[in-house]
Protein backbone atom coordinates (compact mmCIF):
# COMPACT_ATOMS: atom_id res chain seq x y z
CA MET A 1 0.03 -0.06 -0.10
CA ASN A 2 1.29 3.32 -0.91
CA SER A 3 2.36 5.80 1.87
CA THR A 4 -0.40 7.79 0.69
CA PRO A 5 -3.35 5.37 0.10
CA ASN A 6 -6.84 6.34 -1.43
CA ALA A 7 -9.62 6.50 1.21
CA LEU A 8 -12.89 5.16 0.84
CA VAL A 9 -15.64 6.52 3.72
CA ILE A 10 -18.83 4.43 3.70
CA MET A 11 -21.34 6.14 6.16
CA TYR A 12 -24.85 4.84 7.05
CA ASP A 13 -27.52 6.92 8.96
CA GLN A 14 -28.84 5.31 12.05
CA LEU A 15 -26.96 2.03 11.70
CA SER A 16 -26.95 0.30 15.28
CA PRO A 17 -23.65 -2.24 15.69
CA ALA A 18 -26.00 -4.78 16.99
CA ALA A 19 -28.04 -4.93 13.78
CA LEU A 20 -24.84 -6.12 12.03
CA GLY A 21 -23.71 -9.69 11.76
CA CYS A 22 -20.03 -8.62 12.72
CA TYR A 23 -21.32 -7.23 15.89
CA GLY A 24 -23.26 -10.18 16.92
CA SER A 25 -26.54 -10.31 15.08
CA ARG A 26 -27.67 -13.90 14.30
CA VAL A 27 -30.67 -12.67 12.29
CA THR A 28 -29.02 -9.75 9.80
CA LYS A 29 -28.15 -10.65 6.23
CA SER A 30 -25.31 -8.42 6.03
CA PRO A 31 -22.71 -10.66 4.17
CA HIS A 32 -20.67 -7.59 2.50
CA ILE A 33 -19.98 -5.46 5.65
CA ASP A 34 -19.29 -8.68 7.37
CA ARG A 35 -16.72 -9.72 5.01
CA LEU A 36 -15.09 -6.53 5.19
CA ALA A 37 -15.06 -6.53 9.20
CA ALA A 38 -13.47 -10.04 9.21
CA ALA A 39 -10.39 -8.99 7.43
CA GLY A 40 -10.26 -5.21 9.06
CA VAL A 41 -9.98 -3.82 12.36
CA VAL A 42 -13.43 -3.74 14.26
CA PHE A 43 -14.01 -1.38 17.14
CA ASP A 44 -16.46 -2.74 19.66
CA ALA A 45 -16.79 0.64 21.85
CA ALA A 46 -17.17 3.24 19.20
CA TYR A 47 -19.50 5.84 19.66
CA SER A 48 -21.34 9.19 18.19
CA ASN A 49 -20.15 12.27 20.36
CA SER A 50 -23.83 13.49 19.85
CA PRO A 51 -26.51 11.13 18.56
CA LEU A 52 -28.20 13.36 16.40
CA CYS A 53 -27.62 13.43 12.44
CA THR A 54 -25.89 16.80 11.89
CA PRO A 55 -24.08 17.18 15.18
CA ALA A 56 -22.77 13.82 14.79
CA ARG A 57 -21.45 14.54 11.21
CA TYR A 58 -20.02 18.09 12.21
CA CYS A 59 -17.77 15.71 14.96
CA MET A 60 -16.98 13.62 12.44
CA MET A 61 -15.90 16.33 9.83
CA THR A 62 -14.02 18.54 12.18
CA GLY A 63 -12.73 16.39 15.18
CA GLN A 64 -14.57 19.10 17.43
CA LEU A 65 -17.21 18.29 19.98
CA PRO A 66 -20.47 20.68 19.18
CA SER A 67 -19.56 22.87 22.14
CA SER A 68 -16.68 23.92 20.03
CA THR A 69 -18.35 24.47 16.70
CA ARG A 70 -21.90 25.33 17.98
CA GLY A 71 -23.06 22.29 16.04
CA TYR A 72 -25.82 21.63 18.60
CA ASP A 73 -28.63 20.35 16.55
CA ASN A 74 -30.21 19.35 13.05
CA ALA A 75 -30.38 23.17 11.83
CA ALA A 76 -26.71 24.23 13.20
CA TYR A 77 -24.67 25.76 10.75
CA LEU A 78 -21.16 25.09 10.44
CA ALA A 79 -18.59 27.93 10.01
CA SER A 80 -16.69 27.67 6.81
CA THR A 81 -13.51 28.95 8.80
CA ILE A 82 -13.57 25.44 10.64
CA PRO A 83 -11.31 22.90 8.75
CA THR A 84 -12.70 19.68 8.00
CA PHE A 85 -11.02 16.49 7.06
CA ALA A 86 -12.08 17.08 3.66
CA HIS A 87 -9.90 20.39 3.85
CA TYR A 88 -6.84 18.68 5.47
CA ALA A 89 -7.13 16.05 2.71
CA ARG A 90 -7.35 18.36 -0.01
CA ALA A 91 -4.30 20.33 1.31
CA ALA A 92 -2.21 17.25 1.13
CA GLY A 93 -2.98 16.68 -2.43
CA TYR A 94 -6.07 14.39 -2.27
CA ARG A 95 -9.22 14.52 -4.59
CA THR A 96 -12.19 14.90 -2.31
CA VAL A 97 -15.74 13.71 -3.23
CA LEU A 98 -18.78 13.45 -1.47
CA SER A 99 -21.61 11.25 -2.70
CA GLY A 100 -24.81 11.56 -0.27
CA LYS A 101 -25.93 12.87 2.85
CA MET A 102 -23.94 15.00 5.24
CA HIS A 103 -26.67 17.46 6.71
CA PHE A 104 -24.59 20.50 6.19
CA VAL A 105 -26.71 23.69 7.04
CA GLY A 106 -25.87 27.01 5.64
CA PRO A 107 -24.45 28.53 2.63
CA ASP A 108 -21.59 26.19 2.35
CA GLN A 109 -22.28 23.06 1.33
CA LEU A 110 -19.09 21.66 0.37
CA HIS A 111 -16.88 22.43 3.51
CA GLY A 112 -13.53 21.42 1.62
CA PHE A 113 -14.95 18.90 -0.61
CA GLU A 114 -13.98 19.20 -4.44
CA LYS A 115 -16.95 17.64 -5.90
CA ARG A 116 -20.27 16.86 -4.46
CA CYS A 117 -22.18 14.50 -6.71
CA THR A 118 -25.76 14.69 -5.43
CA THR A 119 -27.74 17.09 -3.07
CA ASP A 120 -28.63 16.34 0.62
CA ILE A 121 -31.89 14.68 1.69
CA TYR A 122 -32.67 17.21 4.26
CA PRO A 123 -33.11 21.10 4.48
CA ALA A 124 -29.96 23.12 4.55
CA ASP A 125 -31.76 26.22 6.25
CA PHE A 126 -32.80 26.90 9.94
CA GLY A 127 -36.08 25.49 9.67
CA TRP A 128 -35.52 22.64 11.90
CA THR A 129 -34.21 24.84 15.22
CA PRO A 130 -35.62 23.56 18.29
CA ASP A 131 -36.75 26.07 21.03
CA TRP A 132 -35.56 25.46 24.65
CA ARG A 133 -37.30 28.29 25.88
CA GLN A 134 -40.57 26.30 25.41
CA PRO A 135 -39.27 22.99 26.65
CA ASP A 136 -42.78 21.42 26.45
CA GLN A 137 -43.62 22.28 22.74
CA ARG A 138 -43.70 19.62 20.44
CA ILE A 139 -43.27 20.71 16.94
CA ASP A 140 -45.22 18.22 14.95
CA TRP A 141 -44.27 19.12 11.12
CA TRP A 142 -40.60 18.06 11.67
CA TYR A 143 -40.15 16.45 14.91
CA HIS A 144 -40.04 12.47 15.13
CA ASN A 145 -43.65 10.62 15.57
CA MET A 146 -44.50 7.00 15.72
CA GLU A 147 -45.85 6.67 12.07
CA SER A 148 -42.54 5.29 11.06
CA VAL A 149 -43.46 2.58 13.52
CA THR A 150 -47.11 2.00 12.95
CA GLY A 151 -46.49 2.29 9.12
CA ALA A 152 -43.56 -0.03 8.90
CA GLY A 153 -43.67 -2.41 5.92
CA VAL A 154 -42.91 -2.55 2.34
CA ALA A 155 -42.81 0.17 -0.58
CA GLU A 156 -40.94 0.13 -3.91
CA VAL A 157 -40.26 3.67 -3.95
CA THR A 158 -39.97 5.99 -0.86
CA ASN A 159 -38.17 9.37 -0.38
CA GLN A 160 -35.07 7.58 1.41
CA LEU A 161 -34.79 4.96 -1.15
CA LEU A 162 -34.99 7.54 -4.22
CA PHE A 163 -32.12 9.42 -2.51
CA ASP A 164 -29.91 6.25 -1.78
CA ASP A 165 -30.47 4.83 -5.00
CA GLU A 166 -28.74 8.04 -6.35
CA VAL A 167 -26.13 8.16 -3.96
CA GLY A 168 -24.88 4.59 -4.61
CA PHE A 169 -24.89 5.27 -8.43
CA HIS A 170 -22.86 8.45 -8.20
CA ALA A 171 -20.50 6.72 -5.52
CA VAL A 172 -19.94 3.99 -8.09
CA ARG A 173 -19.44 6.30 -10.90
CA ALA A 174 -17.14 8.65 -8.65
CA LEU A 175 -14.83 5.80 -8.33
CA HIS A 176 -14.66 5.01 -12.05
CA ASP A 177 -13.91 8.79 -12.56
CA ALA A 178 -10.93 8.50 -10.13
CA ALA A 179 -9.40 5.70 -11.82
CA ARG A 180 -9.26 7.30 -14.98
CA VAL A 181 -7.78 10.55 -13.77
CA ASP A 182 -4.19 10.98 -14.80
CA ASP A 183 -3.27 14.00 -12.26
CA GLY A 184 -1.70 11.59 -9.80
CA ARG A 185 -3.70 12.74 -6.89
CA PRO A 186 -4.94 9.81 -4.29
CA PHE A 187 -8.89 10.45 -3.72
CA LEU A 188 -10.81 10.63 -0.59
CA HIS A 189 -14.26 9.37 -1.31
CA VAL A 190 -16.91 9.67 1.11
CA ALA A 191 -20.37 7.73 0.14
CA SER A 192 -22.74 8.55 2.86
CA PHE A 193 -26.30 6.67 2.84
CA THR A 194 -29.38 7.45 4.49
CA HIS A 195 -30.57 4.06 5.23
CA PRO A 196 -31.46 2.48 7.56
CA HIS A 197 -32.80 5.51 9.16
CA ASP A 198 -36.27 5.39 9.58
CA PRO A 199 -39.27 5.67 7.99
CA TYR A 200 -39.03 1.74 8.49
CA VAL A 201 -40.05 0.98 5.02
CA THR A 202 -38.36 -1.58 2.62
CA ARG A 203 -38.36 -2.61 -0.88
CA GLN A 204 -40.12 -6.28 -1.23
CA GLU A 205 -36.85 -8.01 -1.94
CA TYR A 206 -35.31 -7.05 1.18
CA TRP A 207 -38.34 -7.74 3.32
CA ASP A 208 -38.58 -11.18 1.68
CA ARG A 209 -34.96 -11.88 2.92
CA TYR A 210 -36.38 -11.98 6.35
CA GLU A 211 -39.10 -14.25 5.49
CA GLY A 212 -39.45 -16.93 8.22
CA VAL A 213 -36.91 -15.06 10.44
CA ASP A 214 -37.73 -14.83 14.08
CA ILE A 215 -37.07 -10.92 14.60
CA PRO A 216 -36.54 -10.59 18.28
CA LEU A 217 -38.33 -8.35 20.42
CA PRO A 218 -36.47 -5.54 22.68
CA GLU A 219 -34.66 -7.28 25.35
CA VAL A 220 -35.36 -4.35 27.78
CA SER A 221 -39.05 -3.00 27.78
CA ALA A 222 -40.37 0.17 28.97
CA ALA A 223 -41.63 -1.96 31.71
CA ASP A 224 -38.33 -3.45 32.76
CA VAL A 225 -36.55 -0.15 34.08
CA ALA A 226 -37.38 2.85 35.76
CA ALA A 227 -37.40 6.13 32.98
CA ASP A 228 -35.29 8.63 33.71
CA PRO A 229 -36.58 12.11 32.86
CA HIS A 230 -34.65 12.35 29.51
CA THR A 231 -36.55 9.16 28.46
CA LEU A 232 -39.76 10.56 29.43
CA ARG A 233 -38.99 13.84 27.59
CA LEU A 234 -38.22 11.79 24.69
CA ARG A 235 -41.18 9.99 24.62
CA ALA A 236 -43.25 13.18 24.48
CA ALA A 237 -41.23 14.93 21.97
CA CYS A 238 -41.69 11.58 19.78
CA ASP A 239 -45.32 11.39 20.41
CA MET A 240 -44.74 8.05 22.00
CA ASN A 241 -47.07 8.46 24.91
CA ARG A 242 -50.29 9.08 22.55
CA THR A 243 -49.34 6.01 20.23
CA PRO A 244 -50.11 2.59 21.36
CA ILE A 245 -47.59 0.03 19.79
CA ASN A 246 -47.87 -3.70 20.20
CA ASP A 247 -45.54 -6.46 19.50
CA ASP A 248 -46.67 -6.80 15.61
CA ASP A 249 -45.55 -3.19 15.01
CA VAL A 250 -42.35 -3.94 16.70
CA ARG A 251 -41.19 -6.91 14.72
CA ARG A 252 -42.56 -5.01 11.37
CA ALA A 253 -40.62 -2.00 12.14
CA ARG A 254 -37.52 -4.13 12.99
CA ARG A 255 -37.97 -6.37 9.88
CA ALA A 256 -38.00 -3.62 7.68
CA TYR A 257 -35.21 -2.01 9.47
CA LEU A 258 -32.96 -5.25 8.85
CA GLY A 259 -34.09 -4.79 5.38
CA ASN A 260 -32.64 -1.54 4.94
CA VAL A 261 -29.46 -2.67 6.43
CA SER A 262 -29.31 -5.60 3.72
CA TYR A 263 -29.95 -2.98 1.25
CA VAL A 264 -26.97 -0.42 2.22
CA ASP A 265 -25.23 -3.60 2.20
CA ASP A 266 -25.68 -4.36 -1.18
CA TRP A 267 -24.69 -0.99 -2.18
CA THR A 268 -21.33 -1.90 0.24
CA GLY A 269 -20.69 -4.84 -1.87
CA ARG A 270 -20.86 -2.91 -5.08
CA LEU A 271 -18.48 -0.32 -4.18
CA LEU A 272 -16.08 -2.88 -2.77
CA ARG A 273 -16.57 -5.01 -5.87
CA THR A 274 -15.96 -1.74 -7.96
CA LEU A 275 -12.54 -1.00 -6.18
CA GLU A 276 -11.54 -4.52 -6.88
CA LEU A 277 -12.61 -4.52 -10.81
CA LEU A 278 -10.57 -1.18 -11.00
CA GLY A 279 -7.32 -2.28 -9.33
CA LEU A 280 -7.85 0.02 -6.53
CA ALA A 281 -8.44 -2.23 -3.40
CA ASP A 282 -5.08 -2.87 -2.64
CA ASP A 283 -4.39 0.86 -2.42
CA THR A 284 -7.69 1.84 -0.64
CA VAL A 285 -8.28 2.23 2.91
CA VAL A 286 -12.08 1.32 3.49
CA ILE A 287 -13.74 3.03 6.98
CA LEU A 288 -17.17 2.03 7.59
CA LEU A 289 -19.21 3.80 10.44
CA ALA A 290 -22.40 5.54 11.20
CA ASP A 291 -23.58 8.86 12.32
CA HIS A 292 -25.41 7.16 15.60
CA GLY A 293 -27.60 4.03 16.48
CA ASP A 294 -31.33 3.42 16.73
CA MET A 295 -32.93 2.40 19.82
CA LEU A 296 -35.70 0.22 17.85
CA GLY A 297 -37.94 -0.07 20.93
CA GLU A 298 -35.50 -0.73 23.73
CA ARG A 299 -36.86 1.00 27.10
CA GLY A 300 -39.51 1.67 25.08
CA LEU A 301 -37.76 4.31 22.90
CA TRP A 302 -37.09 4.56 19.30
CA TYR A 303 -34.37 6.64 16.81
CA LYS A 304 -31.60 8.11 18.91
CA MET A 305 -31.23 11.57 21.04
CA ASN A 306 -29.93 9.74 24.04
CA PHE A 307 -26.71 8.25 25.39
CA PHE A 308 -28.01 4.67 25.83
CA GLU A 309 -25.91 2.08 23.89
CA GLY A 310 -28.60 1.68 21.16
CA SER A 311 -28.63 5.21 20.37
CA ALA A 312 -24.86 6.41 20.93
CA ARG A 313 -22.91 3.37 19.84
CA ILE A 314 -21.99 2.90 16.42
CA PRO A 315 -20.37 0.43 14.10
CA LEU A 316 -16.69 1.36 12.97
CA VAL A 317 -14.54 -0.65 10.99
CA VAL A 318 -11.03 0.21 9.34
CA HIS A 319 -9.85 -2.01 6.50
CA ALA A 320 -6.56 -2.02 5.17
CA PRO A 321 -5.18 -5.72 5.06
CA ALA A 322 -1.88 -4.40 3.63
CA ARG A 323 -1.43 -2.35 6.69
CA PHE A 324 -3.24 -3.80 9.69
CA ARG A 325 -4.09 -7.31 10.53
CA ALA A 326 -7.55 -8.23 11.40
CA ARG A 327 -8.33 -7.45 15.00
CA ARG A 328 -11.09 -6.52 17.34
CA VAL A 329 -10.36 -3.09 19.48
CA SER A 330 -12.09 -2.86 23.00
CA THR A 331 -10.95 0.81 23.69
CA PRO A 332 -13.57 3.41 23.74
CA VAL A 333 -13.25 5.68 20.73
CA SER A 334 -15.67 8.16 18.47
CA LEU A 335 -16.52 10.10 15.67
CA VAL A 336 -14.01 12.91 16.71
CA ASP A 337 -11.51 10.45 16.19
CA VAL A 338 -12.03 10.11 12.16
CA LEU A 339 -10.39 13.52 11.29
CA PRO A 340 -7.23 13.03 13.00
CA THR A 341 -7.12 9.34 11.59
CA LEU A 342 -7.71 10.58 7.86
CA ILE A 343 -5.00 13.54 8.27
CA GLU A 344 -2.31 10.90 9.58
CA LEU A 345 -3.28 8.58 6.76
CA SER A 346 -2.97 11.35 4.11
CA GLY A 347 0.33 12.72 5.48
CA GLY A 348 -1.28 15.99 6.72
CA VAL A 349 -0.71 18.16 9.40
CA VAL A 350 -3.21 19.70 11.94
CA THR A 351 -3.22 23.55 11.97
CA ASP A 352 -2.46 25.42 14.90
CA ALA A 353 -5.96 27.32 14.59
CA VAL A 354 -7.74 24.43 15.75
CA ALA A 355 -5.58 22.72 18.00
CA PRO A 356 -5.92 20.59 20.27
CA LEU A 357 -8.38 18.39 18.60
CA ALA A 358 -11.05 16.42 20.62
CA GLY A 359 -10.03 13.17 19.01
CA ARG A 360 -6.96 11.27 18.63
CA SER A 361 -5.74 8.94 15.42
CA LEU A 362 -7.17 5.59 15.29
CA LEU A 363 -4.06 4.26 13.56
CA PRO A 364 -2.26 3.27 16.91
CA LEU A 365 -4.85 0.96 17.74
CA CYS A 366 -5.27 -0.28 14.38
CA GLU A 367 -1.59 -1.26 14.83
CA GLY A 368 -2.20 -3.03 18.04
CA GLY A 369 -1.50 -0.38 20.45
CA LEU A 370 -3.03 -0.20 23.86
CA GLU A 371 -4.40 3.01 25.17
CA ASP A 372 -6.61 4.51 27.86
CA ARG A 373 -8.97 6.56 26.09
CA THR A 374 -12.04 8.85 27.29
CA VAL A 375 -15.18 9.07 24.77
CA ILE A 376 -16.80 12.59 25.66
CA GLY A 377 -20.46 13.07 24.46
CA GLU A 378 -22.66 16.30 24.33
CA TYR A 379 -26.55 16.51 23.56
CA ALA A 380 -28.12 19.90 23.12
CA ALA A 381 -31.11 19.51 20.68
CA GLU A 382 -34.80 18.61 20.82
CA GLY A 383 -36.07 16.65 23.34
CA ALA A 384 -33.48 18.16 25.82
CA CYS A 385 -33.88 21.06 27.77
CA ALA A 386 -30.37 21.70 29.02
CA PRO A 387 -27.10 20.18 27.97
CA ILE A 388 -26.73 16.37 28.57
CA VAL A 389 -22.62 15.28 28.63
CA MET A 390 -21.45 11.77 28.66
CA LEU A 391 -18.19 10.49 29.67
CA ARG A 392 -17.30 6.62 28.72
CA ARG A 393 -13.94 5.33 30.26
CA GLY A 394 -13.14 1.84 30.24
CA ALA A 395 -16.47 -0.15 31.31
CA LEU A 396 -18.23 2.95 33.02
CA LYS A 397 -20.43 5.36 31.44
CA PHE A 398 -21.40 8.57 33.25
CA VAL A 399 -24.27 10.44 31.97
CA HIS A 400 -25.03 14.31 33.30
CA CYS A 401 -27.36 16.80 32.90
CA PRO A 402 -27.72 19.82 35.34
CA VAL A 403 -31.81 19.26 35.57
CA ASP A 404 -31.46 15.54 35.98
CA PRO A 405 -30.49 12.72 38.24
CA ASP A 406 -27.00 11.32 37.35
CA GLN A 407 -26.66 8.02 35.32
CA LEU A 408 -23.95 5.80 35.95
CA TYR A 409 -23.47 2.15 34.30
CA ASP A 410 -21.06 -0.76 34.57
CA LEU A 411 -21.21 -1.91 30.82
CA ALA A 412 -19.31 -5.03 31.39
CA LYS A 413 -21.45 -6.30 33.99
CA ASP A 414 -24.51 -4.53 32.74
CA PRO A 415 -24.55 -4.27 29.26
CA ARG A 416 -28.09 -3.39 28.88
CA GLU A 417 -28.07 -0.40 31.44
CA ARG A 418 -30.63 -1.92 33.54
CA ILE A 419 -28.89 -0.70 36.86
CA ASN A 420 -27.88 3.02 37.28
CA LEU A 421 -25.25 2.91 39.92
CA ALA A 422 -25.54 6.73 40.47
CA GLY A 423 -27.22 6.55 43.51
CA HIS A 424 -25.77 3.22 45.11
CA PRO A 425 -23.39 4.20 48.24
CA GLY A 426 -20.52 2.13 46.83
CA GLN A 427 -20.33 4.37 43.71
CA ALA A 428 -20.12 7.59 45.68
CA ALA A 429 -16.71 8.29 45.36
CA THR A 430 -16.44 7.44 41.64
CA VAL A 431 -19.74 9.77 40.68
CA ALA A 432 -18.12 12.25 42.64
CA GLU A 433 -14.88 11.68 40.47
CA PHE A 434 -16.88 12.13 37.41
CA ARG A 435 -18.68 15.16 38.54
CA ALA A 436 -15.46 16.98 39.25
CA GLU A 437 -14.42 15.87 35.55
CA VAL A 438 -17.62 17.38 34.16
CA ALA A 439 -17.05 20.69 36.06
CA HIS A 440 -13.51 20.65 34.75
CA ARG A 441 -14.54 20.04 31.11
CA TRP A 442 -17.51 22.35 31.05
CA ASP A 443 -19.35 25.33 32.17
CA LEU A 444 -22.69 24.01 31.61
CA ALA A 445 -24.55 27.20 32.66
CA ARG A 446 -22.73 28.98 29.93
CA LEU A 447 -23.39 26.55 27.32
CA HIS A 448 -26.86 26.45 28.10
CA GLU A 449 -26.85 30.01 27.64
CA ASP A 450 -25.39 29.92 24.32
CA VAL A 451 -27.41 27.24 22.98
CA VAL A 452 -30.61 29.12 24.05
CA GLN A 453 -28.91 32.52 22.20
CA ASP A 454 -28.04 30.50 19.24
CA GLN A 455 -31.59 28.94 18.68
CA ALA A 456 -33.13 32.31 19.17
CA ARG A 457 -30.72 34.04 16.68
CA ARG A 458 -31.44 31.12 14.00
CA ARG A 459 -35.01 31.11 14.49
CA PHE A 460 -34.96 35.10 13.91
CA VAL A 461 -32.54 34.75 10.63
CA MET A 462 -34.87 31.84 9.37
CA LYS A 463 -38.04 34.22 9.62
CA ALA A 464 -36.27 36.95 7.96
CA LEU A 465 -35.08 35.00 5.13
CA ARG A 466 -38.60 33.46 4.47
CA THR A 467 -39.97 36.80 3.85
CA GLY A 468 -39.99 38.52 0.21
CA VAL A 469 -37.80 36.41 -2.10
CA HIS A 470 -36.29 33.01 -0.60
CA THR A 471 -32.90 32.29 -1.74
CA PRO A 472 -32.25 28.43 -0.87
CA TRP A 473 -28.92 27.03 0.29
CA GLU A 474 -29.87 23.43 -0.94
CA PHE A 475 -26.94 22.16 -2.91
CA THR A 476 -27.62 21.60 -6.64
CA PRO A 477 -25.05 19.37 -8.34
CA ARG A 478 -23.28 21.10 -11.42
CA ARG A 479 -22.89 19.18 -14.76
CA ASP A 480 -21.33 20.20 -17.81
CA ASP A 481 -22.75 17.90 -20.31
CA SER A 482 -21.01 19.47 -23.09
CA ASN A 483 -18.01 17.52 -22.25
CA GLN A 484 -19.72 14.33 -21.48
CA TYR A 485 -18.99 11.35 -23.88
CA MET A 486 -18.28 12.56 -27.10
CA ARG A 487 -18.85 15.89 -28.48
CA ASN A 488 -17.68 17.38 -31.94
CA HIS A 489 -14.97 19.55 -30.43
CA LEU A 490 -13.23 16.49 -29.00
CA ASP A 491 -11.36 13.69 -30.70
CA LEU A 492 -13.07 10.56 -30.74
CA ASN A 493 -9.82 8.34 -30.36
CA ALA A 494 -8.81 10.33 -27.17
CA VAL A 495 -12.35 10.07 -25.74
CA GLU A 496 -12.66 6.14 -26.09
CA ARG A 497 -9.03 5.68 -24.69
CA SER A 498 -9.39 8.09 -21.63
CA ALA A 499 -12.94 6.54 -20.79
CA ARG A 500 -11.74 2.91 -20.96
CA TRP A 501 -10.24 1.28 -17.89
CA PRO A 502 -7.94 -0.62 -17.76
CA ARG A 503 -6.43 1.05 -20.77
């Protein structure tokens, strides 16, 4: 493998690691992801730093936490002055291409990518800004509700499927283009799918793959554990309290979800096969990951927006057999580690303007090194009314919110997080240490005020920009078909030679 290898990042939306064979699922049909994981480095304790689409992606792209970038929620803008891994790779001489979702908000829809092949599936403006000044408000037109569960099943066409069909096609096309370009630059390609994100609707062929399969119900029901205040808020925000859900609904939603895991697995297989057919596989590091997970009915919760394992834990695989032998890594890591990893792979250098980063390169762990790491999480979006922070160190996970009781879980002894140890007398010293660390890391009162003020500014700007002539920020891919295929200002022989690969 070259000292500056190509990199292909395949990203999924709302994919729980528990829904993959390589992470222990006995029912999911994900052969391509599982095959890649079997030959790669699998991280068993990888986390989303902020379990919601936009904040999680900003963490991944920038190596920074939401409190540093103000990437608080799904209508949070990312300043163009904040370097992303696309900027670093491009500065190091890479061709940077994005196909699919990144949920950028604001007029900058590239953030370092040289080319973007598709538009995004979700809005680029401030319309989805929550309002902590009205904590009991439920904004029905864009908040989650339970129709994704009650309406789960089969459809040939959905908003999500149309988008991912386009993402996959353009991602394959981008690899074809990369193989034929003669400028000597390696590539960094991101193929970012929106599945298996709800709604839980899949095509018939993927639904049929699970015919006769015993789809398991949640292992921890709402009745099995006492609901913490944030869980109660999420149930209200997502309209769960007013929507009765039975076991058939749950199995149908989970079956469709698994069908969509198989759908993105098929696209993954096609991308990997494309690398092989183009002769690029041996020189390309492939990274598989997700922005966050999905509760899928565990604890009576669906979707994400909390720091329980189903929501916050993600799959993360680094595949580079010529560089790293296959292994599993138990050290806790997170999305902010992706940027320093890609910088190290590309030979780039972190600019002093943003150092120190919140993340650390994964390469020492890929090489078999042993490190003690702490994963840091922040959540400041809908369903919350004050900042929620998380620390995962070793087997312990500590969750703190100024308005809620603390939560402490020993994931080695209690992987389903049934027992909150924060109130146990024997854990008083541990809780005190975590609380002291939280106080050292954050000024939560100041962070709360910044979140509220930032929400208010965005809502005002959104209202103003919707008055009069509206200029949208959504990305529109640019195409110059005057130079596509054969045109009479081109030499046919040169066109045919340059378009063919291998030549």
